[in-house]
Amino acid sequence: MSSGVPAVAAGYRFCPMDEDLVVYYLKRKILGEQLPANIIPTTDVYASSPDKLPLGLFQLGQANEWFFFSTKSKDDDITVIDGGYYEIDPDGAAPITWEGKIVGHVKTLFFYQGSPPNGTDTEWMVEEFRINPEFVPVDKADHTTQEKITNLVVCKIYRMRPLPEP
């Protein structure tokens, strides 16, 4: 590729472990370093309902799974958007460890149609991966990097039912 990012081999499917998303993609994106493969697009996941996201931008995942870099969800338990809302799993965020260190956290959000608290279940959910600020080297944590640490996440979006065939 002209950007210097390695091309992806034919037949490749992107199904990283949680720690790989944080260590090799999110951290490198935050620090402006080269990614192993430039395959995760950037979009504001929480600006619209999941069915209106540009899912076609991500082509290399498992069926009904998409990855995006995004700004993080609000810290509120509920994020209201067009025609529905995201609600955070009450179990909270789970730590992600790598080489014995907590490198990040993942939280799950479910999308409901309608208005809270009486929304209807949908087939959509999001896992939001955040970096642990302590995992970023202090000498690289300038103001711009701190903003990225606070606001940039990787989202893994799932649709529980298959998309209809075209």
N, C-alpha and C. Protein backbone atom coordinates (compact mmCIF):
# COMPACT_ATOMS: atom_id res chain seq x y z
N MET A 1 0.84 -1.19 0.00
CA MET A 1 0.00 0.00 0.00
C MET A 1 0.87 1.24 0.00
N SER A 2 0.37 2.29 -0.56
CA SER A 2 1.16 3.52 -0.64
C SER A 2 1.37 4.18 0.71
N SER A 3 0.52 3.92 1.68
CA SER A 3 0.66 4.54 3.00
C SER A 3 1.72 3.86 3.85
N GLY A 4 2.30 2.78 3.36
CA GLY A 4 3.30 2.07 4.13
C GLY A 4 2.70 1.05 5.08
N VAL A 5 1.37 0.97 5.13
CA VAL A 5 0.70 0.01 5.99
C VAL A 5 0.59 -1.30 5.22
N PRO A 6 0.93 -2.42 5.85
CA PRO A 6 0.89 -3.69 5.14
C PRO A 6 -0.49 -3.99 4.56
N ALA A 7 -0.48 -4.61 3.37
CA ALA A 7 -1.73 -5.05 2.75
C ALA A 7 -2.23 -6.29 3.48
N VAL A 8 -3.49 -6.57 3.33
CA VAL A 8 -4.10 -7.72 3.99
C VAL A 8 -4.15 -8.87 2.99
N ALA A 9 -3.76 -10.05 3.43
CA ALA A 9 -3.74 -11.22 2.57
C ALA A 9 -5.16 -11.65 2.17
N ALA A 10 -5.28 -12.22 1.00
CA ALA A 10 -6.57 -12.73 0.53
C ALA A 10 -7.09 -13.78 1.51
N GLY A 11 -8.37 -13.73 1.78
CA GLY A 11 -8.98 -14.69 2.70
C GLY A 11 -8.85 -14.33 4.16
N TYR A 12 -8.17 -13.25 4.46
CA TYR A 12 -7.95 -12.81 5.84
C TYR A 12 -9.27 -12.37 6.47
N ARG A 13 -9.50 -12.78 7.71
CA ARG A 13 -10.65 -12.31 8.49
C ARG A 13 -10.10 -11.71 9.78
N PHE A 14 -10.59 -10.54 10.11
CA PHE A 14 -10.13 -9.80 11.28
C PHE A 14 -10.94 -10.23 12.49
N CYS A 15 -10.32 -10.98 13.40
CA CYS A 15 -11.00 -11.40 14.63
C CYS A 15 -9.99 -11.35 15.79
N PRO A 16 -9.59 -10.13 16.16
CA PRO A 16 -8.55 -9.96 17.19
C PRO A 16 -9.06 -10.27 18.59
N MET A 17 -8.13 -10.63 19.45
CA MET A 17 -8.43 -10.76 20.88
C MET A 17 -8.59 -9.35 21.43
N ASP A 18 -9.27 -9.22 22.56
CA ASP A 18 -9.50 -7.91 23.17
C ASP A 18 -8.19 -7.16 23.40
N GLU A 19 -7.19 -7.86 23.94
CA GLU A 19 -5.92 -7.20 24.23
C GLU A 19 -5.21 -6.75 22.96
N ASP A 20 -5.38 -7.48 21.86
CA ASP A 20 -4.79 -7.06 20.58
C ASP A 20 -5.39 -5.75 20.10
N LEU A 21 -6.70 -5.59 20.26
CA LEU A 21 -7.35 -4.34 19.86
C LEU A 21 -6.76 -3.15 20.60
N VAL A 22 -6.53 -3.33 21.90
CA VAL A 22 -6.01 -2.23 22.71
C VAL A 22 -4.52 -1.99 22.44
N VAL A 23 -3.72 -3.05 22.48
CA VAL A 23 -2.27 -2.92 22.38
C VAL A 23 -1.81 -2.55 20.96
N TYR A 24 -2.33 -3.22 19.96
CA TYR A 24 -1.81 -3.06 18.60
C TYR A 24 -2.60 -2.09 17.72
N TYR A 25 -3.81 -1.78 18.12
CA TYR A 25 -4.61 -0.85 17.30
C TYR A 25 -4.89 0.45 18.04
N LEU A 26 -5.58 0.38 19.17
CA LEU A 26 -5.97 1.61 19.86
C LEU A 26 -4.76 2.41 20.35
N LYS A 27 -3.83 1.75 21.02
CA LYS A 27 -2.65 2.47 21.53
C LYS A 27 -1.87 3.10 20.38
N ARG A 28 -1.66 2.35 19.31
CA ARG A 28 -0.90 2.88 18.18
C ARG A 28 -1.64 4.03 17.50
N LYS A 29 -2.95 3.92 17.40
CA LYS A 29 -3.74 5.02 16.81
C LYS A 29 -3.61 6.27 17.67
N ILE A 30 -3.70 6.12 18.98
CA ILE A 30 -3.57 7.25 19.90
C ILE A 30 -2.20 7.91 19.77
N LEU A 31 -1.16 7.11 19.64
CA LEU A 31 0.20 7.63 19.57
C LEU A 31 0.63 8.03 18.15
N GLY A 32 -0.25 7.82 17.18
CA GLY A 32 0.09 8.17 15.80
C GLY A 32 1.10 7.23 15.18
N GLU A 33 1.17 6.01 15.69
CA GLU A 33 2.11 5.02 15.17
C GLU A 33 1.44 4.18 14.07
N GLN A 34 2.27 3.48 13.30
CA GLN A 34 1.75 2.63 12.23
C GLN A 34 0.96 1.47 12.82
N LEU A 35 -0.19 1.19 12.23
CA LEU A 35 -1.03 0.07 12.65
C LEU A 35 -0.57 -1.20 11.92
N PRO A 36 -0.82 -2.38 12.51
CA PRO A 36 -0.45 -3.62 11.82
C PRO A 36 -1.09 -3.72 10.44
N ALA A 37 -2.32 -3.25 10.33
CA ALA A 37 -3.04 -3.16 9.05
C ALA A 37 -4.05 -2.04 9.21
N ASN A 38 -4.16 -1.21 8.21
CA ASN A 38 -5.06 -0.05 8.29
C ASN A 38 -6.45 -0.47 7.82
N ILE A 39 -7.15 -1.25 8.64
CA ILE A 39 -8.44 -1.81 8.22
C ILE A 39 -9.61 -1.35 9.06
N ILE A 40 -9.35 -0.67 10.18
CA ILE A 40 -10.45 -0.21 11.03
C ILE A 40 -10.76 1.24 10.66
N PRO A 41 -11.94 1.48 10.08
CA PRO A 41 -12.30 2.86 9.72
C PRO A 41 -12.70 3.66 10.96
N THR A 42 -12.79 4.96 10.79
CA THR A 42 -13.21 5.86 11.87
C THR A 42 -14.58 6.43 11.55
N THR A 43 -15.49 6.35 12.51
CA THR A 43 -16.81 6.96 12.39
C THR A 43 -17.35 7.22 13.79
N ASP A 44 -18.32 8.09 13.92
CA ASP A 44 -18.92 8.35 15.22
C ASP A 44 -20.04 7.34 15.44
N VAL A 45 -19.71 6.26 16.12
CA VAL A 45 -20.65 5.16 16.34
C VAL A 45 -21.91 5.62 17.05
N TYR A 46 -21.78 6.58 17.95
CA TYR A 46 -22.92 6.98 18.79
C TYR A 46 -23.72 8.15 18.21
N ALA A 47 -23.47 8.49 16.94
CA ALA A 47 -24.21 9.59 16.31
C ALA A 47 -25.51 9.13 15.67
N SER A 48 -25.67 7.82 15.49
CA SER A 48 -26.89 7.31 14.87
C SER A 48 -27.14 5.88 15.35
N SER A 49 -28.29 5.37 14.98
CA SER A 49 -28.59 3.99 15.34
C SER A 49 -27.67 3.06 14.55
N PRO A 50 -27.40 1.86 15.08
CA PRO A 50 -26.44 0.97 14.42
C PRO A 50 -26.79 0.63 12.97
N ASP A 51 -28.07 0.52 12.67
CA ASP A 51 -28.46 0.17 11.30
C ASP A 51 -28.18 1.29 10.30
N LYS A 52 -27.85 2.49 10.79
CA LYS A 52 -27.53 3.61 9.90
C LYS A 52 -26.03 3.89 9.84
N LEU A 53 -25.23 3.08 10.50
CA LEU A 53 -23.77 3.24 10.45
C LEU A 53 -23.25 2.81 9.08
N PRO A 54 -22.10 3.34 8.67
CA PRO A 54 -21.52 2.95 7.38
C PRO A 54 -20.81 1.60 7.50
N LEU A 55 -21.59 0.54 7.71
CA LEU A 55 -21.03 -0.78 7.96
C LEU A 55 -20.19 -1.29 6.80
N GLY A 56 -20.48 -0.82 5.60
CA GLY A 56 -19.72 -1.24 4.42
C GLY A 56 -18.27 -0.78 4.43
N LEU A 57 -17.93 0.17 5.31
CA LEU A 57 -16.54 0.63 5.39
C LEU A 57 -15.61 -0.43 5.97
N PHE A 58 -16.18 -1.35 6.76
CA PHE A 58 -15.37 -2.42 7.35
C PHE A 58 -15.73 -3.72 6.64
N GLN A 59 -14.77 -4.29 5.92
CA GLN A 59 -15.04 -5.43 5.04
C GLN A 59 -14.43 -6.75 5.49
N LEU A 60 -13.62 -6.76 6.53
CA LEU A 60 -12.79 -7.94 6.78
C LEU A 60 -13.13 -8.73 8.04
N GLY A 61 -14.29 -8.50 8.62
CA GLY A 61 -14.63 -9.19 9.86
C GLY A 61 -15.43 -10.46 9.65
N GLN A 62 -15.78 -11.05 10.77
CA GLN A 62 -16.69 -12.19 10.76
C GLN A 62 -18.07 -11.68 10.36
N ALA A 63 -18.94 -12.58 9.99
CA ALA A 63 -20.31 -12.19 9.64
C ALA A 63 -20.96 -11.47 10.81
N ASN A 64 -21.63 -10.37 10.52
CA ASN A 64 -22.38 -9.60 11.51
C ASN A 64 -21.52 -8.99 12.61
N GLU A 65 -20.27 -8.66 12.28
CA GLU A 65 -19.33 -8.04 13.21
C GLU A 65 -18.58 -6.94 12.47
N TRP A 66 -18.51 -5.75 13.08
CA TRP A 66 -17.83 -4.62 12.46
C TRP A 66 -16.99 -3.90 13.51
N PHE A 67 -15.87 -3.33 13.10
CA PHE A 67 -14.99 -2.58 14.00
C PHE A 67 -14.85 -1.15 13.49
N PHE A 68 -14.85 -0.20 14.43
CA PHE A 68 -14.64 1.21 14.10
C PHE A 68 -13.86 1.89 15.22
N PHE A 69 -12.99 2.82 14.86
CA PHE A 69 -12.50 3.79 15.83
C PHE A 69 -13.60 4.82 15.96
N SER A 70 -13.81 5.31 17.19
CA SER A 70 -14.89 6.27 17.43
C SER A 70 -14.55 7.11 18.65
N THR A 71 -15.32 8.17 18.83
CA THR A 71 -15.27 8.86 20.12
C THR A 71 -16.04 7.99 21.10
N LYS A 72 -15.67 8.07 22.35
CA LYS A 72 -16.29 7.19 23.35
C LYS A 72 -17.74 7.57 23.60
N SER A 73 -18.47 6.62 24.17
CA SER A 73 -19.85 6.89 24.55
C SER A 73 -19.83 7.83 25.74
N LYS A 74 -20.97 8.42 26.01
CA LYS A 74 -21.08 9.27 27.20
C LYS A 74 -20.91 8.39 28.43
N ASP A 75 -20.50 8.99 29.51
CA ASP A 75 -20.35 8.22 30.73
C ASP A 75 -21.69 7.96 31.41
N ASP A 76 -22.77 8.51 30.85
CA ASP A 76 -24.09 8.24 31.39
C ASP A 76 -24.44 6.78 31.12
N ASP A 77 -25.40 6.27 31.88
CA ASP A 77 -25.84 4.89 31.67
C ASP A 77 -26.61 4.75 30.36
N ILE A 78 -27.20 5.85 29.88
CA ILE A 78 -28.03 5.81 28.68
C ILE A 78 -27.61 6.92 27.73
N THR A 79 -27.42 6.57 26.46
CA THR A 79 -27.11 7.54 25.41
C THR A 79 -28.24 7.51 24.40
N VAL A 80 -29.02 8.60 24.33
CA VAL A 80 -30.18 8.66 23.44
C VAL A 80 -29.75 9.18 22.07
N ILE A 81 -30.16 8.47 21.02
CA ILE A 81 -29.90 8.89 19.64
C ILE A 81 -31.12 8.60 18.79
N ASP A 82 -31.02 8.85 17.51
CA ASP A 82 -32.18 8.86 16.63
C ASP A 82 -33.00 7.57 16.67
N GLY A 83 -34.17 7.66 17.26
CA GLY A 83 -35.09 6.53 17.29
C GLY A 83 -34.81 5.49 18.33
N GLY A 84 -33.82 5.71 19.17
CA GLY A 84 -33.51 4.70 20.18
C GLY A 84 -32.45 5.18 21.14
N TYR A 85 -31.84 4.23 21.83
CA TYR A 85 -30.82 4.59 22.81
C TYR A 85 -29.92 3.40 23.10
N TYR A 86 -28.69 3.73 23.51
CA TYR A 86 -27.74 2.74 24.00
C TYR A 86 -27.82 2.73 25.51
N GLU A 87 -27.81 1.54 26.07
CA GLU A 87 -27.78 1.40 27.52
C GLU A 87 -26.59 0.53 27.89
N ILE A 88 -25.83 0.99 28.87
CA ILE A 88 -24.64 0.26 29.31
C ILE A 88 -25.05 -0.97 30.11
N ASP A 89 -24.39 -2.08 29.84
CA ASP A 89 -24.59 -3.30 30.61
C ASP A 89 -24.32 -2.99 32.08
N PRO A 90 -25.26 -3.31 32.96
CA PRO A 90 -25.08 -2.98 34.38
C PRO A 90 -23.89 -3.68 35.03
N ASP A 91 -23.32 -4.69 34.39
CA ASP A 91 -22.15 -5.35 34.97
C ASP A 91 -20.91 -4.47 34.93
N GLY A 92 -20.96 -3.37 34.17
CA GLY A 92 -19.84 -2.43 34.13
C GLY A 92 -18.76 -2.86 33.17
N ALA A 93 -17.61 -2.20 33.26
CA ALA A 93 -16.49 -2.44 32.36
C ALA A 93 -15.59 -3.54 32.92
N ALA A 94 -15.16 -4.42 32.04
CA ALA A 94 -14.25 -5.51 32.43
C ALA A 94 -12.82 -5.13 32.05
N PRO A 95 -11.86 -5.45 32.92
CA PRO A 95 -10.47 -5.13 32.60
C PRO A 95 -9.94 -6.02 31.47
N ILE A 96 -9.01 -5.48 30.71
CA ILE A 96 -8.31 -6.22 29.66
C ILE A 96 -6.85 -6.27 30.07
N THR A 97 -6.31 -7.47 30.18
CA THR A 97 -4.92 -7.62 30.61
C THR A 97 -4.04 -8.12 29.46
N TRP A 98 -2.78 -7.72 29.53
CA TRP A 98 -1.76 -8.14 28.57
C TRP A 98 -0.44 -8.16 29.31
N GLU A 99 0.24 -9.28 29.26
CA GLU A 99 1.51 -9.46 29.96
C GLU A 99 1.42 -9.04 31.42
N GLY A 100 0.33 -9.40 32.07
CA GLY A 100 0.15 -9.14 33.50
C GLY A 100 -0.25 -7.72 33.86
N LYS A 101 -0.48 -6.85 32.87
CA LYS A 101 -0.86 -5.46 33.14
C LYS A 101 -2.27 -5.21 32.63
N ILE A 102 -2.99 -4.32 33.32
CA ILE A 102 -4.29 -3.89 32.82
C ILE A 102 -4.03 -2.82 31.76
N VAL A 103 -4.33 -3.16 30.50
CA VAL A 103 -4.04 -2.25 29.39
C VAL A 103 -5.28 -1.48 28.94
N GLY A 104 -6.43 -1.92 29.40
CA GLY A 104 -7.67 -1.25 29.00
C GLY A 104 -8.88 -1.86 29.67
N HIS A 105 -10.04 -1.41 29.21
CA HIS A 105 -11.31 -1.91 29.72
C HIS A 105 -12.28 -2.04 28.56
N VAL A 106 -13.21 -2.96 28.68
CA VAL A 106 -14.26 -3.12 27.68
C VAL A 106 -15.60 -3.06 28.39
N LYS A 107 -16.50 -2.27 27.81
CA LYS A 107 -17.86 -2.24 28.33
C LYS A 107 -18.81 -2.56 27.20
N THR A 108 -19.95 -3.12 27.56
CA THR A 108 -20.95 -3.53 26.59
C THR A 108 -22.14 -2.59 26.65
N LEU A 109 -22.62 -2.20 25.49
CA LEU A 109 -23.81 -1.37 25.38
C LEU A 109 -24.81 -2.08 24.48
N PHE A 110 -26.08 -2.03 24.86
CA PHE A 110 -27.15 -2.63 24.07
C PHE A 110 -27.98 -1.52 23.46
N PHE A 111 -28.43 -1.71 22.22
CA PHE A 111 -29.24 -0.70 21.56
C PHE A 111 -30.71 -1.10 21.63
N TYR A 112 -31.55 -0.14 22.05
CA TYR A 112 -32.99 -0.35 22.16
C TYR A 112 -33.71 0.65 21.26
N GLN A 113 -34.82 0.24 20.66
CA GLN A 113 -35.68 1.15 19.90
C GLN A 113 -36.63 1.83 20.87
N GLY A 114 -36.97 3.08 20.60
CA GLY A 114 -37.92 3.79 21.44
C GLY A 114 -37.21 4.67 22.46
N SER A 115 -37.95 4.99 23.52
CA SER A 115 -37.44 5.89 24.56
C SER A 115 -37.21 5.14 25.86
N PRO A 116 -36.16 5.53 26.59
CA PRO A 116 -35.89 4.89 27.87
C PRO A 116 -36.96 5.27 28.89
N PRO A 117 -37.33 4.44 29.78
CA PRO A 117 -36.81 3.09 30.01
C PRO A 117 -37.66 2.00 29.35
N ASN A 118 -38.52 2.39 28.43
CA ASN A 118 -39.48 1.43 27.85
C ASN A 118 -39.14 1.00 26.44
N GLY A 119 -37.87 1.00 26.10
CA GLY A 119 -37.47 0.63 24.75
C GLY A 119 -37.64 -0.85 24.46
N THR A 120 -37.60 -1.16 23.20
CA THR A 120 -37.73 -2.53 22.73
C THR A 120 -36.34 -3.06 22.38
N ASP A 121 -36.06 -4.30 22.79
CA ASP A 121 -34.79 -4.94 22.45
C ASP A 121 -34.58 -4.94 20.95
N THR A 122 -33.32 -4.79 20.54
CA THR A 122 -32.96 -4.96 19.14
C THR A 122 -31.86 -6.01 19.07
N GLU A 123 -31.44 -6.30 17.87
CA GLU A 123 -30.39 -7.30 17.68
C GLU A 123 -28.99 -6.71 17.78
N TRP A 124 -28.86 -5.41 18.13
CA TRP A 124 -27.58 -4.71 18.11
C TRP A 124 -26.94 -4.56 19.48
N MET A 125 -25.63 -4.76 19.52
CA MET A 125 -24.85 -4.45 20.72
C MET A 125 -23.47 -3.96 20.30
N VAL A 126 -22.84 -3.22 21.21
CA VAL A 126 -21.51 -2.66 20.97
C VAL A 126 -20.62 -3.02 22.15
N GLU A 127 -19.41 -3.46 21.85
CA GLU A 127 -18.37 -3.57 22.87
C GLU A 127 -17.43 -2.40 22.62
N GLU A 128 -17.21 -1.60 23.65
CA GLU A 128 -16.37 -0.40 23.55
C GLU A 128 -15.07 -0.63 24.31
N PHE A 129 -13.96 -0.54 23.60
CA PHE A 129 -12.64 -0.78 24.16
C PHE A 129 -11.94 0.55 24.42
N ARG A 130 -11.54 0.75 25.68
CA ARG A 130 -10.82 1.97 26.08
C ARG A 130 -9.44 1.58 26.58
N ILE A 131 -8.49 2.48 26.38
CA ILE A 131 -7.14 2.23 26.86
C ILE A 131 -7.02 2.68 28.31
N ASN A 132 -6.21 1.98 29.07
CA ASN A 132 -5.86 2.40 30.42
C ASN A 132 -4.82 3.51 30.27
N PRO A 133 -5.08 4.73 30.77
CA PRO A 133 -4.12 5.83 30.61
C PRO A 133 -2.72 5.50 31.11
N GLU A 134 -2.63 4.61 32.10
CA GLU A 134 -1.32 4.24 32.65
C GLU A 134 -0.51 3.38 31.69
N PHE A 135 -1.15 2.87 30.63
CA PHE A 135 -0.47 2.03 29.65
C PHE A 135 0.26 2.86 28.58
N VAL A 136 0.00 4.15 28.55
CA VAL A 136 0.66 5.04 27.59
C VAL A 136 1.91 5.62 28.26
N PRO A 137 3.08 5.52 27.61
CA PRO A 137 4.30 6.05 28.21
C PRO A 137 4.16 7.53 28.57
N VAL A 138 4.60 7.90 29.76
CA VAL A 138 4.48 9.27 30.26
C VAL A 138 5.13 10.27 29.31
N ASP A 139 6.27 9.91 28.74
CA ASP A 139 6.98 10.84 27.86
C ASP A 139 6.23 11.11 26.55
N LYS A 140 5.21 10.32 26.25
CA LYS A 140 4.43 10.52 25.02
C LYS A 140 3.05 11.11 25.30
N ALA A 141 2.77 11.40 26.56
CA ALA A 141 1.43 11.83 26.96
C ALA A 141 1.29 13.35 26.98
N ASP A 142 1.48 14.00 25.81
CA ASP A 142 1.26 15.45 25.73
C ASP A 142 -0.25 15.74 25.72
N HIS A 143 -0.62 17.00 25.60
CA HIS A 143 -2.03 17.39 25.67
C HIS A 143 -2.89 16.70 24.60
N THR A 144 -2.40 16.68 23.37
CA THR A 144 -3.15 16.06 22.28
C THR A 144 -3.34 14.57 22.53
N THR A 145 -2.28 13.91 22.99
CA THR A 145 -2.36 12.48 23.28
C THR A 145 -3.32 12.23 24.44
N GLN A 146 -3.29 13.08 25.46
CA GLN A 146 -4.22 12.93 26.59
C GLN A 146 -5.67 13.02 26.12
N GLU A 147 -5.95 13.94 25.20
CA GLU A 147 -7.31 14.04 24.66
C GLU A 147 -7.71 12.76 23.94
N LYS A 148 -6.79 12.20 23.17
CA LYS A 148 -7.09 10.95 22.47
C LYS A 148 -7.30 9.80 23.46
N ILE A 149 -6.48 9.76 24.52
CA ILE A 149 -6.65 8.72 25.54
C ILE A 149 -8.04 8.80 26.14
N THR A 150 -8.49 10.01 26.40
CA THR A 150 -9.80 10.23 27.03
C THR A 150 -10.95 9.93 26.08
N ASN A 151 -10.80 10.26 24.80
CA ASN A 151 -11.94 10.24 23.89
C ASN A 151 -11.96 9.16 22.82
N LEU A 152 -10.82 8.56 22.48
CA LEU A 152 -10.79 7.60 21.38
C LEU A 152 -10.99 6.17 21.88
N VAL A 153 -11.84 5.43 21.21
CA VAL A 153 -12.12 4.04 21.55
C VAL A 153 -12.17 3.21 20.27
N VAL A 154 -12.12 1.90 20.44
CA VAL A 154 -12.43 0.98 19.35
C VAL A 154 -13.77 0.34 19.70
N CYS A 155 -14.68 0.34 18.76
CA CYS A 155 -15.99 -0.28 18.97
C CYS A 155 -16.12 -1.52 18.10
N LYS A 156 -16.58 -2.59 18.72
CA LYS A 156 -16.91 -3.82 18.00
C LYS A 156 -18.43 -3.91 18.02
N ILE A 157 -19.03 -3.86 16.85
CA ILE A 157 -20.48 -3.83 16.74
C ILE A 157 -20.95 -5.20 16.29
N TYR A 158 -21.98 -5.70 16.96
CA TYR A 158 -22.54 -7.00 16.63
C TYR A 158 -24.00 -6.84 16.21
N ARG A 159 -24.38 -7.65 15.26
CA ARG A 159 -25.79 -7.82 14.95
C ARG A 159 -26.09 -9.28 15.21
N MET A 160 -27.03 -9.53 16.11
CA MET A 160 -27.31 -10.90 16.53
C MET A 160 -27.99 -11.73 15.43
N ARG A 161 -28.75 -11.06 14.57
CA ARG A 161 -29.39 -11.75 13.45
C ARG A 161 -28.63 -11.37 12.18
N PRO A 162 -28.53 -12.29 11.25
CA PRO A 162 -27.81 -11.96 10.00
C PRO A 162 -28.48 -10.84 9.23
N LEU A 163 -27.66 -10.06 8.53
CA LEU A 163 -28.19 -9.06 7.61
C LEU A 163 -28.87 -9.78 6.45
N PRO A 164 -29.95 -9.20 5.92
CA PRO A 164 -30.59 -9.85 4.77
C PRO A 164 -29.66 -9.88 3.56
N GLU A 165 -29.78 -10.92 2.78
CA GLU A 165 -28.97 -11.05 1.56
C GLU A 165 -29.40 -10.00 0.55
N PRO A 166 -28.44 -9.40 -0.18
CA PRO A 166 -28.80 -8.39 -1.19
C PRO A 166 -29.50 -9.01 -2.38
